[in-house]
Each structure stands twice: as structure tokens, then as C-alpha cells.
PDB file of all heavy atoms in Angstrom:
ATOM      1  N   LYS A   1      -0.859 -14.723 -81.221  1.00  0.00           N
ATOM      2  CA  LYS A   1      -0.452 -15.660 -81.996  1.00  0.00           C
ATOM      3  C   LYS A   1      -1.600 -16.773 -81.943  1.00  0.00           C
ATOM      4  O   LYS A   1      -2.235 -17.045 -80.936  1.00  0.00           O
ATOM      5  CB  LYS A   1       0.872 -16.411 -81.442  1.00  0.00           C
ATOM      6  CG  LYS A   1       2.015 -15.477 -81.401  1.00  0.00           C
ATOM      7  CD  LYS A   1       2.324 -14.952 -82.748  1.00  0.00           C
ATOM      8  CE  LYS A   1       3.476 -13.996 -82.809  1.00  0.00           C
ATOM      9  NZ  LYS A   1       3.863 -13.479 -84.034  1.00  0.00           N
ATOM     10  N   ARG A   2      -1.801 -17.511 -82.992  1.00  0.00           N
ATOM     11  CA  ARG A   2      -2.787 -18.549 -83.201  1.00  0.00           C
ATOM     12  C   ARG A   2      -2.425 -19.430 -84.259  1.00  0.00           C
ATOM     13  O   ARG A   2      -1.601 -19.122 -85.129  1.00  0.00           O
ATOM     14  CB  ARG A   2      -4.214 -17.901 -83.453  1.00  0.00           C
ATOM     15  CG  ARG A   2      -4.381 -17.317 -84.776  1.00  0.00           C
ATOM     16  CD  ARG A   2      -5.325 -16.094 -84.676  1.00  0.00           C
ATOM     17  NE  ARG A   2      -4.660 -14.914 -84.352  1.00  0.00           N
ATOM     18  CZ  ARG A   2      -5.386 -13.847 -84.131  1.00  0.00           C
ATOM     19  NH1 ARG A   2      -6.651 -13.655 -84.261  1.00  0.00           N
ATOM     20  NH2 ARG A   2      -4.739 -12.708 -83.735  1.00  0.00           N
ATOM     21  N   SER A   3      -3.026 -20.616 -84.314  1.00  0.00           N
ATOM     22  CA  SER A   3      -2.820 -21.625 -85.428  1.00  0.00           C
ATOM     23  C   SER A   3      -3.676 -21.190 -86.637  1.00  0.00           C
ATOM     24  O   SER A   3      -4.313 -20.169 -86.656  1.00  0.00           O
ATOM     25  CB  SER A   3      -3.402 -23.003 -84.953  1.00  0.00           C
ATOM     26  OG  SER A   3      -4.849 -22.935 -84.908  1.00  0.00           O
ATOM     27  N   LEU A   4      -3.341 -21.937 -87.772  1.00  0.00           N
ATOM     28  CA  LEU A   4      -4.009 -21.624 -88.936  1.00  0.00           C
ATOM     29  C   LEU A   4      -5.523 -21.746 -88.802  1.00  0.00           C
ATOM     30  O   LEU A   4      -6.322 -20.822 -89.205  1.00  0.00           O
ATOM     31  CB  LEU A   4      -3.591 -22.536 -90.153  1.00  0.00           C
ATOM     32  CG  LEU A   4      -4.189 -22.363 -91.497  1.00  0.00           C
ATOM     33  CD1 LEU A   4      -4.000 -20.947 -91.938  1.00  0.00           C
ATOM     34  CD2 LEU A   4      -3.672 -23.404 -92.441  1.00  0.00           C
ATOM     35  N   ILE A   5      -5.961 -22.756 -88.111  1.00  0.00           N
ATOM     36  CA  ILE A   5      -7.445 -22.916 -87.873  1.00  0.00           C
ATOM     37  C   ILE A   5      -7.943 -21.763 -87.060  1.00  0.00           C
ATOM     38  O   ILE A   5      -9.072 -21.180 -87.250  1.00  0.00           O
ATOM     39  CB  ILE A   5      -7.734 -24.256 -87.189  1.00  0.00           C
ATOM     40  CG1 ILE A   5      -7.369 -25.318 -88.134  1.00  0.00           C
ATOM     41  CG2 ILE A   5      -9.223 -24.367 -86.745  1.00  0.00           C
ATOM     42  CD1 ILE A   5      -8.190 -25.507 -89.418  1.00  0.00           C
ATOM     43  N   GLY A   6      -7.125 -21.361 -86.017  1.00  0.00           N
ATOM     44  CA  GLY A   6      -7.515 -20.202 -85.197  1.00  0.00           C
ATOM     45  C   GLY A   6      -7.692 -18.969 -86.020  1.00  0.00           C
ATOM     46  O   GLY A   6      -8.572 -18.055 -85.728  1.00  0.00           O
ATOM     47  N   LEU A   7      -6.747 -18.744 -86.918  1.00  0.00           N
ATOM     48  CA  LEU A   7      -6.795 -17.548 -87.762  1.00  0.00           C
ATOM     49  C   LEU A   7      -8.040 -17.599 -88.628  1.00  0.00           C
ATOM     50  O   LEU A   7      -8.755 -16.495 -88.814  1.00  0.00           O
ATOM     51  CB  LEU A   7      -5.578 -17.505 -88.645  1.00  0.00           C
ATOM     52  CG  LEU A   7      -5.439 -16.357 -89.596  1.00  0.00           C
ATOM     53  CD1 LEU A   7      -5.362 -15.008 -88.926  1.00  0.00           C
ATOM     54  CD2 LEU A   7      -4.112 -16.485 -90.500  1.00  0.00           C
ATOM     55  N   VAL A   8      -8.382 -18.714 -89.249  1.00  0.00           N
ATOM     56  CA  VAL A   8      -9.540 -18.751 -90.117  1.00  0.00           C
ATOM     57  C   VAL A   8     -10.795 -18.489 -89.266  1.00  0.00           C
ATOM     58  O   VAL A   8     -11.730 -17.768 -89.707  1.00  0.00           O
ATOM     59  CB  VAL A   8      -9.654 -20.156 -90.728  1.00  0.00           C
ATOM     60  CG1 VAL A   8     -10.980 -20.350 -91.507  1.00  0.00           C
ATOM     61  CG2 VAL A   8      -8.447 -20.339 -91.735  1.00  0.00           C
ATOM     62  N   ARG A   9     -10.744 -19.063 -87.994  1.00  0.00           N
ATOM     63  CA  ARG A   9     -12.022 -18.788 -87.187  1.00  0.00           C
ATOM     64  C   ARG A   9     -12.089 -17.270 -86.817  1.00  0.00           C
ATOM     65  O   ARG A   9     -13.245 -16.748 -86.657  1.00  0.00           O
ATOM     66  CB  ARG A   9     -11.930 -19.624 -85.912  1.00  0.00           C
ATOM     67  CG  ARG A   9     -12.027 -21.171 -86.234  1.00  0.00           C
ATOM     68  CD  ARG A   9     -11.987 -21.963 -84.912  1.00  0.00           C
ATOM     69  NE  ARG A   9     -13.259 -21.745 -84.079  1.00  0.00           N
ATOM     70  CZ  ARG A   9     -13.283 -21.976 -82.821  1.00  0.00           C
ATOM     71  NH1 ARG A   9     -12.181 -22.388 -82.258  1.00  0.00           N
ATOM     72  NH2 ARG A   9     -14.425 -21.780 -82.163  1.00  0.00           N
ATOM     73  N   THR A  10     -10.993 -16.692 -86.490  1.00  0.00           N
ATOM     74  CA  THR A  10     -11.053 -15.267 -86.134  1.00  0.00           C
ATOM     75  C   THR A  10     -11.613 -14.457 -87.331  1.00  0.00           C
ATOM     76  O   THR A  10     -12.441 -13.527 -87.127  1.00  0.00           O
ATOM     77  CB  THR A  10      -9.585 -14.779 -85.838  1.00  0.00           C
ATOM     78  OG1 THR A  10      -9.136 -15.473 -84.692  1.00  0.00           O
ATOM     79  CG2 THR A  10      -9.551 -13.179 -85.552  1.00  0.00           C
ATOM     80  N   ILE A  11     -10.997 -14.729 -88.537  1.00  0.00           N
ATOM     81  CA  ILE A  11     -11.494 -14.000 -89.751  1.00  0.00           C
ATOM     82  C   ILE A  11     -12.955 -14.255 -89.943  1.00  0.00           C
ATOM     83  O   ILE A  11     -13.749 -13.293 -90.173  1.00  0.00           O
ATOM     84  CB  ILE A  11     -10.669 -14.400 -90.979  1.00  0.00           C
ATOM     85  CG1 ILE A  11      -9.181 -13.934 -90.807  1.00  0.00           C
ATOM     86  CG2 ILE A  11     -11.315 -13.813 -92.269  1.00  0.00           C
ATOM     87  CD1 ILE A  11      -8.237 -14.467 -91.964  1.00  0.00           C
ATOM     88  N   GLY A  12     -13.379 -15.557 -89.795  1.00  0.00           N
ATOM     89  CA  GLY A  12     -14.789 -15.844 -90.006  1.00  0.00           C
ATOM     90  C   GLY A  12     -15.694 -15.122 -88.990  1.00  0.00           C
ATOM     91  O   GLY A  12     -16.788 -14.628 -89.315  1.00  0.00           O
ATOM     92  N   ALA A  13     -15.267 -15.085 -87.700  1.00  0.00           N
ATOM     93  CA  ALA A  13     -16.005 -14.483 -86.590  1.00  0.00           C
ATOM     94  C   ALA A  13     -16.168 -12.981 -86.990  1.00  0.00           C
ATOM     95  O   ALA A  13     -17.290 -12.275 -86.793  1.00  0.00           O
ATOM     96  CB  ALA A  13     -15.374 -14.653 -85.267  1.00  0.00           C
ATOM     97  N   ARG A  14     -15.136 -12.369 -87.484  1.00  0.00           N
ATOM     98  CA  ARG A  14     -15.160 -10.906 -87.786  1.00  0.00           C
ATOM     99  C   ARG A  14     -15.998 -10.646 -89.004  1.00  0.00           C
ATOM    100  O   ARG A  14     -16.778  -9.682 -88.936  1.00  0.00           O
ATOM    101  CB  ARG A  14     -13.659 -10.431 -87.914  1.00  0.00           C
ATOM    102  CG  ARG A  14     -12.826 -10.303 -86.746  1.00  0.00           C
ATOM    103  CD  ARG A  14     -11.423  -9.847 -87.037  1.00  0.00           C
ATOM    104  NE  ARG A  14     -10.712  -9.765 -85.794  1.00  0.00           N
ATOM    105  CZ  ARG A  14      -9.425  -9.502 -85.715  1.00  0.00           C
ATOM    106  NH1 ARG A  14      -8.775  -9.106 -86.934  1.00  0.00           N
ATOM    107  NH2 ARG A  14      -8.762  -9.370 -84.592  1.00  0.00           N
ATOM    108  N   GLN A  15     -16.002 -11.483 -89.976  1.00  0.00           N
ATOM    109  CA  GLN A  15     -16.911 -11.295 -91.073  1.00  0.00           C
ATOM    110  C   GLN A  15     -18.382 -11.578 -90.717  1.00  0.00           C
ATOM    111  O   GLN A  15     -19.175 -10.713 -91.230  1.00  0.00           O
ATOM    112  CB  GLN A  15     -16.488 -12.335 -92.225  1.00  0.00           C
ATOM    113  CG  GLN A  15     -15.175 -12.078 -92.846  1.00  0.00           C
ATOM    114  CD  GLN A  15     -14.806 -13.101 -93.889  1.00  0.00           C
ATOM    115  OE1 GLN A  15     -15.155 -14.266 -93.856  1.00  0.00           O
ATOM    116  NE2 GLN A  15     -14.065 -12.655 -94.903  1.00  0.00           N
ATOM    117  N   THR A  16     -18.592 -12.460 -89.771  1.00  0.00           N
ATOM    118  CA  THR A  16     -19.930 -12.688 -89.289  1.00  0.00           C
ATOM    119  C   THR A  16     -20.466 -11.436 -88.554  1.00  0.00           C
ATOM    120  O   THR A  16     -21.553 -11.063 -88.762  1.00  0.00           O
ATOM    121  CB  THR A  16     -19.984 -13.986 -88.397  1.00  0.00           C
ATOM    122  OG1 THR A  16     -19.595 -15.059 -89.089  1.00  0.00           O
ATOM    123  CG2 THR A  16     -21.391 -14.117 -87.837  1.00  0.00           C
ATOM    124  N   ARG A  17     -19.547 -10.886 -87.759  1.00  0.00           N
ATOM    125  CA  ARG A  17     -20.009  -9.658 -87.006  1.00  0.00           C
ATOM    126  C   ARG A  17     -20.251  -8.461 -87.996  1.00  0.00           C
ATOM    127  O   ARG A  17     -21.204  -7.801 -87.861  1.00  0.00           O
ATOM    128  CB  ARG A  17     -18.836  -9.289 -86.046  1.00  0.00           C
ATOM    129  CG  ARG A  17     -19.115  -7.995 -85.263  1.00  0.00           C
ATOM    130  CD  ARG A  17     -18.129  -7.744 -84.180  1.00  0.00           C
ATOM    131  NE  ARG A  17     -18.177  -8.729 -83.174  1.00  0.00           N
ATOM    132  CZ  ARG A  17     -17.283  -8.770 -82.153  1.00  0.00           C
ATOM    133  NH1 ARG A  17     -16.316  -7.849 -82.040  1.00  0.00           N
ATOM    134  NH2 ARG A  17     -17.416  -9.706 -81.204  1.00  0.00           N
ATOM    135  N   LEU A  18     -19.397  -8.353 -89.016  1.00  0.00           N
ATOM    136  CA  LEU A  18     -19.566  -7.300 -89.963  1.00  0.00           C
ATOM    137  C   LEU A  18     -20.895  -7.525 -90.749  1.00  0.00           C
ATOM    138  O   LEU A  18     -21.609  -6.505 -91.071  1.00  0.00           O
ATOM    139  CB  LEU A  18     -18.390  -7.220 -90.976  1.00  0.00           C
ATOM    140  CG  LEU A  18     -17.170  -6.676 -90.383  1.00  0.00           C
ATOM    141  CD1 LEU A  18     -15.991  -6.787 -91.395  1.00  0.00           C
ATOM    142  CD2 LEU A  18     -17.284  -5.238 -89.977  1.00  0.00           C
ATOM    143  N   ARG A  19     -21.135  -8.739 -91.060  1.00  0.00           N
ATOM    144  CA  ARG A  19     -22.363  -9.126 -91.832  1.00  0.00           C
ATOM    145  C   ARG A  19     -23.617  -8.652 -90.976  1.00  0.00           C
ATOM    146  O   ARG A  19     -24.610  -8.150 -91.555  1.00  0.00           O
ATOM    147  CB  ARG A  19     -22.423 -10.572 -92.182  1.00  0.00           C
ATOM    148  CG  ARG A  19     -23.598 -10.857 -93.143  1.00  0.00           C
ATOM    149  CD  ARG A  19     -23.660 -12.410 -93.480  1.00  0.00           C
ATOM    150  NE  ARG A  19     -23.969 -13.065 -92.283  1.00  0.00           N
ATOM    151  CZ  ARG A  19     -23.341 -14.253 -91.907  1.00  0.00           C
ATOM    152  NH1 ARG A  19     -22.468 -14.772 -92.722  1.00  0.00           N
ATOM    153  NH2 ARG A  19     -23.718 -14.811 -90.710  1.00  0.00           N
ATOM    154  N   GLU A  20     -23.558  -8.937 -89.716  1.00  0.00           N
ATOM    155  CA  GLU A  20     -24.676  -8.717 -88.848  1.00  0.00           C
ATOM    156  C   GLU A  20     -24.913  -7.236 -88.712  1.00  0.00           C
ATOM    157  O   GLU A  20     -25.976  -6.674 -88.760  1.00  0.00           O
ATOM    158  CB  GLU A  20     -24.477  -9.260 -87.472  1.00  0.00           C
ATOM    159  CG  GLU A  20     -24.504 -10.831 -87.404  1.00  0.00           C
ATOM    160  CD  GLU A  20     -24.015 -11.405 -86.045  1.00  0.00           C
ATOM    161  OE1 GLU A  20     -23.475 -10.679 -85.296  1.00  0.00           O
ATOM    162  OE2 GLU A  20     -24.236 -12.621 -85.872  1.00  0.00           O
ATOM    163  N   GLN A  21     -23.699  -6.428 -88.598  1.00  0.00           N
ATOM    164  CA  GLN A  21     -23.866  -5.063 -88.572  1.00  0.00           C
ATOM    165  C   GLN A  21     -24.458  -4.435 -89.902  1.00  0.00           C
ATOM    166  O   GLN A  21     -25.274  -3.511 -89.774  1.00  0.00           O
ATOM    167  CB  GLN A  21     -22.436  -4.427 -88.364  1.00  0.00           C
ATOM    168  CG  GLN A  21     -21.953  -4.708 -86.950  1.00  0.00           C
ATOM    169  CD  GLN A  21     -20.510  -4.238 -86.812  1.00  0.00           C
ATOM    170  OE1 GLN A  21     -19.799  -3.976 -87.714  1.00  0.00           O
ATOM    171  NE2 GLN A  21     -20.057  -4.241 -85.517  1.00  0.00           N
ATOM    172  N   LEU A  22     -23.982  -5.005 -91.011  1.00  0.00           N
ATOM    173  CA  LEU A  22     -24.500  -4.515 -92.235  1.00  0.00           C
ATOM    174  C   LEU A  22     -25.975  -4.848 -92.392  1.00  0.00           C
ATOM    175  O   LEU A  22     -26.750  -4.084 -92.969  1.00  0.00           O
ATOM    176  CB  LEU A  22     -23.680  -5.162 -93.407  1.00  0.00           C
ATOM    177  CG  LEU A  22     -22.286  -4.639 -93.622  1.00  0.00           C
ATOM    178  CD1 LEU A  22     -21.623  -5.391 -94.697  1.00  0.00           C
ATOM    179  CD2 LEU A  22     -22.333  -3.125 -94.053  1.00  0.00           C
ATOM    180  N   ASP A  23     -26.393  -5.977 -91.934  1.00  0.00           N
ATOM    181  CA  ASP A  23     -27.823  -6.364 -91.892  1.00  0.00           C
ATOM    182  C   ASP A  23     -28.648  -5.426 -91.226  1.00  0.00           C
ATOM    183  O   ASP A  23     -29.845  -5.066 -91.610  1.00  0.00           O
ATOM    184  CB  ASP A  23     -28.038  -7.801 -91.443  1.00  0.00           C
ATOM    185  CG  ASP A  23     -27.550  -8.937 -92.290  1.00  0.00           C
ATOM    186  OD1 ASP A  23     -27.308  -8.548 -93.530  1.00  0.00           O
ATOM    187  OD2 ASP A  23     -27.297 -10.027 -91.886  1.00  0.00           O
ATOM    188  N   ARG A  24     -28.120  -4.987 -90.004  1.00  0.00           N
ATOM    189  CA  ARG A  24     -28.886  -4.004 -89.095  1.00  0.00           C
ATOM    190  C   ARG A  24     -28.947  -2.713 -89.851  1.00  0.00           C
ATOM    191  O   ARG A  24     -30.024  -2.048 -89.857  1.00  0.00           O
ATOM    192  CB  ARG A  24     -28.148  -3.890 -87.809  1.00  0.00           C
ATOM    193  CG  ARG A  24     -28.339  -5.109 -86.829  1.00  0.00           C
ATOM    194  CD  ARG A  24     -28.019  -4.780 -85.417  1.00  0.00           C
ATOM    195  NE  ARG A  24     -26.686  -4.480 -85.262  1.00  0.00           N
ATOM    196  CZ  ARG A  24     -25.667  -5.391 -85.010  1.00  0.00           C
ATOM    197  NH1 ARG A  24     -25.976  -6.633 -84.924  1.00  0.00           N
ATOM    198  NH2 ARG A  24     -24.394  -5.007 -84.907  1.00  0.00           N
ATOM    199  N   ILE A  25     -27.852  -2.286 -90.485  1.00  0.00           N
ATOM    200  CA  ILE A  25     -27.852  -0.979 -91.290  1.00  0.00           C
ATOM    201  C   ILE A  25     -28.892  -1.012 -92.380  1.00  0.00           C
ATOM    202  O   ILE A  25     -29.634  -0.136 -92.647  1.00  0.00           O
ATOM    203  CB  ILE A  25     -26.421  -0.686 -91.759  1.00  0.00           C
ATOM    204  CG1 ILE A  25     -25.571  -0.294 -90.604  1.00  0.00           C
ATOM    205  CG2 ILE A  25     -26.531   0.547 -92.747  1.00  0.00           C
ATOM    206  CD1 ILE A  25     -24.060  -0.203 -90.930  1.00  0.00           C
ATOM    207  N   GLU A  26     -28.763  -2.207 -93.061  1.00  0.00           N
ATOM    208  CA  GLU A  26     -29.710  -2.333 -94.173  1.00  0.00           C
ATOM    209  C   GLU A  26     -31.241  -2.354 -93.790  1.00  0.00           C
ATOM    210  O   GLU A  26     -32.119  -1.660 -94.386  1.00  0.00           O
ATOM    211  CB  GLU A  26     -29.521  -3.653 -94.929  1.00  0.00           C
ATOM    212  CG  GLU A  26     -30.309  -3.957 -96.280  1.00  0.00           C
ATOM    213  CD  GLU A  26     -29.891  -5.137 -96.910  1.00  0.00           C
ATOM    214  OE1 GLU A  26     -29.057  -6.007 -96.449  1.00  0.00           O
ATOM    215  OE2 GLU A  26     -30.464  -5.393 -98.033  1.00  0.00           O
ATOM    216  N   ALA A  27     -31.419  -2.928 -92.689  1.00  0.00           N
ATOM    217  CA  ALA A  27     -32.844  -3.064 -92.099  1.00  0.00           C
ATOM    218  C   ALA A  27     -33.264  -1.582 -91.744  1.00  0.00           C
ATOM    219  O   ALA A  27     -34.479  -1.171 -92.012  1.00  0.00           O
ATOM    220  CB  ALA A  27     -32.956  -3.914 -90.868  1.00  0.00           C
ATOM    221  N   LYS A  28     -32.332  -0.768 -91.193  1.00  0.00           N
ATOM    222  CA  LYS A  28     -32.694   0.550 -90.770  1.00  0.00           C
ATOM    223  C   LYS A  28     -32.974   1.421 -91.937  1.00  0.00           C
ATOM    224  O   LYS A  28     -33.943   2.240 -91.922  1.00  0.00           O
ATOM    225  CB  LYS A  28     -31.517   1.190 -89.924  1.00  0.00           C
ATOM    226  CG  LYS A  28     -31.707   2.391 -89.350  1.00  0.00           C
ATOM    227  CD  LYS A  28     -32.891   2.435 -88.274  1.00  0.00           C
ATOM    228  CE  LYS A  28     -33.041   3.689 -87.484  1.00  0.00           C
ATOM    229  NZ  LYS A  28     -34.104   3.744 -86.505  1.00  0.00           N
ATOM    230  N   LEU A  29     -32.062   1.180 -92.972  1.00  0.00           N
ATOM    231  CA  LEU A  29     -32.391   1.994 -94.222  1.00  0.00           C
ATOM    232  C   LEU A  29     -33.722   1.705 -94.815  1.00  0.00           C
ATOM    233  O   LEU A  29     -34.375   2.564 -95.402  1.00  0.00           O
ATOM    234  CB  LEU A  29     -31.171   1.755 -95.213  1.00  0.00           C
ATOM    235  CG  LEU A  29     -29.761   2.307 -94.790  1.00  0.00           C
ATOM    236  CD1 LEU A  29     -28.752   1.832 -95.823  1.00  0.00           C
ATOM    237  CD2 LEU A  29     -29.946   3.852 -94.756  1.00  0.00           C
ATOM    238  N   ASP A  30     -33.986   0.458 -94.750  1.00  0.00           N
ATOM    239  CA  ASP A  30     -35.383  -0.087 -95.341  1.00  0.00           C
ATOM    240  C   ASP A  30     -36.482   0.626 -94.529  1.00  0.00           C
ATOM    241  O   ASP A  30     -37.428   1.123 -95.169  1.00  0.00           O
ATOM    242  CB  ASP A  30     -35.443  -1.573 -95.246  1.00  0.00           C
ATOM    243  CG  ASP A  30     -34.626  -2.275 -96.205  1.00  0.00           C
ATOM    244  OD1 ASP A  30     -34.235  -1.653 -97.198  1.00  0.00           O
ATOM    245  OD2 ASP A  30     -34.352  -3.478 -96.083  1.00  0.00           O
ATOM    246  N   GLN A  31     -36.300   0.766 -93.198  1.00  0.00           N
ATOM    247  CA  GLN A  31     -37.350   1.447 -92.436  1.00  0.00           C
ATOM    248  C   GLN A  31     -37.436   2.867 -92.742  1.00  0.00           C
ATOM    249  O   GLN A  31     -38.474   3.428 -93.033  1.00  0.00           O
ATOM    250  CB  GLN A  31     -36.976   1.323 -90.928  1.00  0.00           C
ATOM    251  CG  GLN A  31     -37.110  -0.135 -90.427  1.00  0.00           C
ATOM    252  CD  GLN A  31     -36.723  -0.247 -88.941  1.00  0.00           C
ATOM    253  OE1 GLN A  31     -36.352   0.794 -88.337  1.00  0.00           O
ATOM    254  NE2 GLN A  31     -36.738  -1.543 -88.380  1.00  0.00           N
ATOM    255  N   LEU A  32     -36.270   3.473 -92.945  1.00  0.00           N
ATOM    256  CA  LEU A  32     -36.332   4.915 -93.381  1.00  0.00           C
ATOM    257  C   LEU A  32     -36.836   5.145 -94.710  1.00  0.00           C
ATOM    258  O   LEU A  32     -37.550   6.110 -94.954  1.00  0.00           O
ATOM    259  CB  LEU A  32     -34.858   5.460 -93.228  1.00  0.00           C
ATOM    260  CG  LEU A  32     -34.148   5.541 -91.840  1.00  0.00           C
ATOM    261  CD1 LEU A  32     -32.755   6.039 -91.967  1.00  0.00           C
ATOM    262  CD2 LEU A  32     -35.055   6.496 -90.965  1.00  0.00           C
ATOM    263  N   GLY A  33     -36.496   4.257 -95.623  1.00  0.00           N
ATOM    264  CA  GLY A  33     -37.059   4.404 -96.954  1.00  0.00           C
ATOM    265  C   GLY A  33     -38.559   4.169 -97.060  1.00  0.00           C
ATOM    266  O   GLY A  33     -39.238   4.795 -97.855  1.00  0.00           O
ATOM    267  N   GLY A  34     -39.102   3.289 -96.058  1.00  0.00           N
ATOM    268  CA  GLY A  34     -40.538   3.045 -96.126  1.00  0.00           C
ATOM    269  C   GLY A  34     -41.273   4.267 -95.635  1.00  0.00           C
ATOM    270  O   GLY A  34     -42.458   4.412 -95.878  1.00  0.00           O
ATOM    271  N   LYS A  35     -40.609   5.047 -94.864  1.00  0.00           N
ATOM    272  CA  LYS A  35     -41.407   6.235 -94.371  1.00  0.00           C
ATOM    273  C   LYS A  35     -41.493   7.317 -95.326  1.00  0.00           C
ATOM    274  O   LYS A  35     -42.247   8.299 -95.278  1.00  0.00           O
ATOM    275  CB  LYS A  35     -40.594   6.875 -93.093  1.00  0.00           C
ATOM    276  CG  LYS A  35     -40.706   5.834 -91.893  1.00  0.00           C
ATOM    277  CD  LYS A  35     -39.914   6.390 -90.714  1.00  0.00           C
ATOM    278  CE  LYS A  35     -39.962   5.493 -89.500  1.00  0.00           C
ATOM    279  NZ  LYS A  35     -39.296   5.971 -88.354  1.00  0.00           N
TER     280      LYS A  35
END
């Protein structure tokens, strides 16, 4: 259980983590494409 603000922060933190993961995947693909 969490407050509305806590829920927004949880969603935001998860989105930030997913974005970082996607950035790493994109960077890896760029490296592979450059080879």
C-alpha cells in the first residue's frame, strides 16, 4: 500500500529504469550496427 504520491513515484521510478535499460539496448545495437 502507498499514497497517491508514492504510487506516482513508483511508476516514475520503474519508467526511469525501463528507459535506462532501453538506452543500454539501443547503445548495444548501435555498436553492433557499426561493426
